[in-house]
């Protein structure tokens, strides 16, 4: 039995983004401004810069500004630099707009942008982690994020992995079969699996991984 099926649900990213909006925005609005200078798991970026990147990426989708190379590191850095002197409230307003309006645009596409919605959710975990909040890379929206992780792991060419997640019935099958190679196996909690695939620090986690390396499972390089 698997947690997910093979059929893309075009509205899954929208549900994930809206669920994350409702959970994250109240936290962001009440967090003291000085906390936004805290460093995150993203090298070189503070919480404010991560959120500026998230807001810019989503609003680009909303406005159809998706020129070639738009989500490459150089373009991401330029979007963050553009918002360097914005008031914090303006960044948060743009982020909330993106969470609200990007989903239908993603749904109308061919699935290419589904990974952006997953990335936004992971970045929300980065900010929670920096703030010392519980539930980074988990929470109520985890059941929406896991199907997108499966889709993205296949599109990004990672090897087949069968995950048994603590507290979750059934198996989560990720990645692609490779002829002559056994499926990798993972045993641990879902938040650690998210950290593993997104390249987030694994310090103080506990998991078992066989027949694959951490590096070849990365979906964001």
Protein backbone atom coordinates (compact mmCIF):
# COMPACT_ATOMS: atom_id res chain seq x y z
CA UNK A 1 0.00 0.00 0.00
CA UNK A 2 1.29 3.47 -0.85
CA UNK A 3 0.37 6.84 0.53
CA UNK A 4 0.09 8.43 -2.90
CA UNK A 5 -1.03 7.52 -6.37
CA UNK A 6 0.56 8.40 -9.71
CA UNK A 7 -1.99 10.94 -10.92
CA UNK A 8 -1.18 14.64 -10.62
CA UNK A 9 -3.72 16.69 -8.72
CA UNK A 10 -3.35 20.18 -10.25
CA UNK A 11 -4.99 21.83 -7.25
CA UNK A 12 -2.75 20.21 -4.66
CA UNK A 13 -0.20 23.07 -4.76
CA UNK A 14 -3.02 25.58 -4.22
CA UNK A 15 -4.28 23.70 -1.18
CA UNK A 16 -0.76 23.48 0.23
CA UNK A 17 -0.10 27.18 -0.28
CA UNK A 18 -3.40 28.27 1.25
CA UNK A 19 -3.03 25.93 4.21
CA UNK A 20 0.49 27.23 4.80
CA UNK A 21 -0.71 30.82 4.47
CA UNK A 22 -3.28 30.30 7.20
CA UNK A 23 -0.73 28.68 9.50
CA UNK A 24 2.31 30.85 8.79
CA UNK A 25 1.06 34.40 8.32
CA UNK A 26 -0.28 34.85 11.88
CA UNK A 27 3.11 33.70 13.20
CA UNK A 28 4.97 36.11 10.93
CA UNK A 29 2.72 39.05 11.80
CA UNK A 30 3.27 38.64 15.53
CA UNK A 31 7.02 37.89 15.44
CA UNK A 32 9.22 40.80 16.60
CA UNK A 33 11.07 42.49 13.71
CA UNK A 34 14.49 41.72 15.18
CA UNK A 35 13.86 37.99 14.75
CA UNK A 36 13.90 38.42 10.98
CA UNK A 37 17.66 38.98 11.10
CA UNK A 38 18.20 35.42 12.32
CA UNK A 39 20.11 33.13 9.98
CA UNK A 40 18.35 30.20 8.34
CA UNK A 41 19.41 26.84 6.92
CA UNK A 42 19.76 28.60 3.54
CA UNK A 43 23.43 29.68 3.34
CA UNK A 44 23.79 33.45 3.56
CA UNK A 45 20.10 34.19 3.98
CA UNK A 46 18.26 35.55 6.99
CA UNK A 47 14.61 34.81 7.71
CA UNK A 48 13.68 38.14 6.10
CA UNK A 49 15.60 37.28 2.94
CA UNK A 50 14.05 33.81 2.70
CA UNK A 51 10.58 35.34 2.93
CA UNK A 52 11.47 38.02 0.37
CA UNK A 53 12.55 35.25 -2.01
CA UNK A 54 9.33 33.32 -1.36
CA UNK A 55 7.16 36.38 -1.94
CA UNK A 56 8.98 37.29 -5.15
CA UNK A 57 8.77 33.77 -6.58
CA UNK A 58 5.04 33.45 -5.95
CA UNK A 59 4.17 36.89 -7.28
CA UNK A 60 6.21 36.20 -10.41
CA UNK A 61 3.92 33.21 -10.99
CA UNK A 62 0.82 35.30 -10.30
CA UNK A 63 1.93 38.00 -12.75
CA UNK A 64 3.29 35.63 -15.37
CA UNK A 65 6.83 37.01 -15.16
CA UNK A 66 8.57 33.72 -15.81
CA UNK A 67 11.39 34.53 -18.17
CA UNK A 68 14.18 32.03 -18.75
CA UNK A 69 16.36 31.50 -15.68
CA UNK A 70 13.84 33.13 -13.37
CA UNK A 71 14.38 30.70 -10.49
CA UNK A 72 18.14 30.25 -10.82
CA UNK A 73 20.31 31.46 -7.91
CA UNK A 74 21.32 34.70 -9.63
CA UNK A 75 17.71 35.68 -10.31
CA UNK A 76 16.67 34.72 -6.77
CA UNK A 77 19.46 36.88 -5.33
CA UNK A 78 18.37 39.81 -7.49
CA UNK A 79 14.76 39.51 -6.28
CA UNK A 80 15.93 39.50 -2.67
CA UNK A 81 18.21 42.50 -3.24
CA UNK A 82 15.32 44.41 -4.83
CA UNK A 83 13.39 44.02 -1.56
CA UNK A 84 16.27 44.84 0.76
CA UNK A 85 14.91 48.26 1.70
CA UNK A 86 11.23 47.37 1.67
CA UNK A 87 9.39 47.66 4.98
CA UNK A 88 8.90 44.23 6.55
CA UNK A 89 5.13 44.64 6.36
CA UNK A 90 5.35 45.11 2.58
CA UNK A 91 7.26 41.84 2.20
CA UNK A 92 4.70 40.02 4.33
CA UNK A 93 1.82 41.53 2.35
CA UNK A 94 3.41 40.39 -0.91
CA UNK A 95 3.97 36.93 0.53
CA UNK A 96 0.35 36.62 1.63
CA UNK A 97 -0.78 37.70 -1.82
CA UNK A 98 1.44 35.04 -3.38
CA UNK A 99 0.15 32.30 -1.08
CA UNK A 100 -3.40 33.30 -2.01
CA UNK A 101 -3.13 33.85 -5.75
CA UNK A 102 -0.37 31.61 -7.10
CA UNK A 103 -2.21 28.30 -6.75
CA UNK A 104 -4.66 28.74 -9.63
CA UNK A 105 -1.82 29.76 -11.94
CA UNK A 106 0.15 26.66 -10.96
CA UNK A 107 -2.96 24.49 -11.45
CA UNK A 108 -3.42 25.84 -14.98
CA UNK A 109 0.09 24.78 -15.97
CA UNK A 110 1.65 21.46 -16.89
CA UNK A 111 3.03 20.65 -13.45
CA UNK A 112 6.40 22.32 -13.92
CA UNK A 113 5.68 24.80 -11.13
CA UNK A 114 4.42 22.24 -8.62
CA UNK A 115 7.93 22.07 -7.15
CA UNK A 116 7.78 25.80 -6.42
CA UNK A 117 4.83 25.27 -4.09
CA UNK A 118 6.75 22.54 -2.30
CA UNK A 119 9.78 24.81 -2.07
CA UNK A 120 7.70 27.56 -0.51
CA UNK A 121 6.51 25.12 2.14
CA UNK A 122 10.09 23.99 2.83
CA UNK A 123 11.19 27.61 3.17
CA UNK A 124 8.39 28.17 5.67
CA UNK A 125 10.02 25.36 7.63
CA UNK A 126 13.37 27.15 7.34
CA UNK A 127 11.85 30.24 8.93
CA UNK A 128 10.11 28.28 11.68
CA UNK A 129 13.38 26.53 12.41
CA UNK A 130 15.23 29.85 12.64
CA UNK A 131 12.57 31.24 14.96
CA UNK A 132 12.82 28.18 17.21
CA UNK A 133 9.22 27.19 16.50
CA UNK A 134 8.09 23.59 16.74
CA UNK A 135 6.78 21.80 13.67
CA UNK A 136 9.38 22.91 11.15
CA UNK A 137 8.98 20.74 8.02
CA UNK A 138 5.85 19.12 9.43
CA UNK A 139 2.53 20.36 10.80
CA UNK A 140 -1.00 20.19 9.42
CA UNK A 141 0.09 20.68 5.81
CA UNK A 142 2.51 17.73 5.80
CA UNK A 143 -0.08 15.44 4.22
CA UNK A 144 -0.28 17.91 1.32
CA UNK A 145 3.48 18.30 1.02
CA UNK A 146 4.31 14.58 0.84
CA UNK A 147 2.45 13.97 -2.45
CA UNK A 148 4.30 16.93 -3.96
CA UNK A 149 7.57 15.51 -2.68
CA UNK A 150 6.81 12.27 -4.48
CA UNK A 151 6.04 14.07 -7.75
CA UNK A 152 9.11 16.27 -7.47
CA UNK A 153 11.41 13.38 -6.58
CA UNK A 154 10.38 11.65 -9.79
CA UNK A 155 10.78 14.75 -11.97
CA UNK A 156 14.19 15.53 -10.49
CA UNK A 157 15.48 12.06 -11.32
CA UNK A 158 16.19 10.74 -7.85
CA UNK A 159 16.49 6.96 -7.40
CA UNK A 160 13.61 4.86 -6.14
CA UNK A 161 13.18 4.99 -2.37
CA UNK A 162 10.58 3.32 -0.20
CA UNK A 163 9.95 5.21 3.03
CA UNK A 164 8.34 3.90 6.17
CA UNK A 165 7.42 7.03 8.12
CA UNK A 166 6.95 6.96 11.84
CA UNK A 167 3.30 7.28 12.75
CA UNK A 168 2.07 7.04 9.15
CA UNK A 169 0.33 3.95 7.78
CA UNK A 170 1.56 2.48 4.53
CA UNK A 171 4.65 3.20 2.49
CA UNK A 172 5.68 6.32 0.59
CA UNK A 173 7.36 5.48 -2.72
CA UNK A 174 9.60 8.20 -4.13
CA UNK A 175 11.85 8.61 -7.15
CA UNK A 176 12.40 6.37 -10.14
CA UNK A 177 13.28 2.74 -10.63
CA UNK A 178 16.83 2.15 -11.87
CA UNK A 179 17.45 -1.12 -13.68
CA UNK A 180 19.65 -3.45 -11.72
CA UNK A 181 19.51 -1.35 -8.58
CA UNK A 182 17.39 -2.18 -5.52
CA UNK A 183 15.08 0.46 -4.13
CA UNK A 184 16.59 2.43 -1.28
CA UNK A 185 14.89 2.24 2.10
CA UNK A 186 14.22 4.96 4.65
CA UNK A 187 12.93 4.61 8.18
CA UNK A 188 12.33 7.75 10.24
CA UNK A 189 9.95 10.64 10.70
CA UNK A 190 8.46 12.70 7.88
CA UNK A 191 10.18 15.94 8.86
CA UNK A 192 13.56 14.23 8.59
CA UNK A 193 12.62 12.88 5.16
CA UNK A 194 11.81 16.43 4.06
CA UNK A 195 15.16 17.64 5.41
CA UNK A 196 16.92 14.83 3.56
CA UNK A 197 15.39 15.58 0.16
CA UNK A 198 15.66 19.37 0.48
CA UNK A 199 19.25 19.43 1.72
CA UNK A 200 18.47 20.84 5.16
CA UNK A 201 20.68 20.09 8.16
CA UNK A 202 20.22 16.63 9.61
CA UNK A 203 21.87 17.37 12.96
CA UNK A 204 20.01 15.77 15.89
CA UNK A 205 17.80 13.67 13.61
CA UNK A 206 17.58 9.90 13.71
CA UNK A 207 16.90 7.80 10.64
CA UNK A 208 17.98 4.72 8.70
CA UNK A 209 18.87 4.99 5.01
CA UNK A 210 20.10 2.07 2.93
CA UNK A 211 21.08 1.68 -0.74
CA UNK A 212 21.24 5.43 -1.42
CA UNK A 213 23.35 8.41 -0.39
CA UNK A 214 21.97 11.65 0.99
CA UNK A 215 23.49 13.60 -1.90
CA UNK A 216 21.71 11.69 -4.70
CA UNK A 217 18.31 12.26 -3.09
CA UNK A 218 18.48 16.06 -3.26
CA UNK A 219 15.70 17.69 -5.26
CA UNK A 220 17.03 21.26 -4.93
CA UNK A 221 20.63 21.67 -6.09
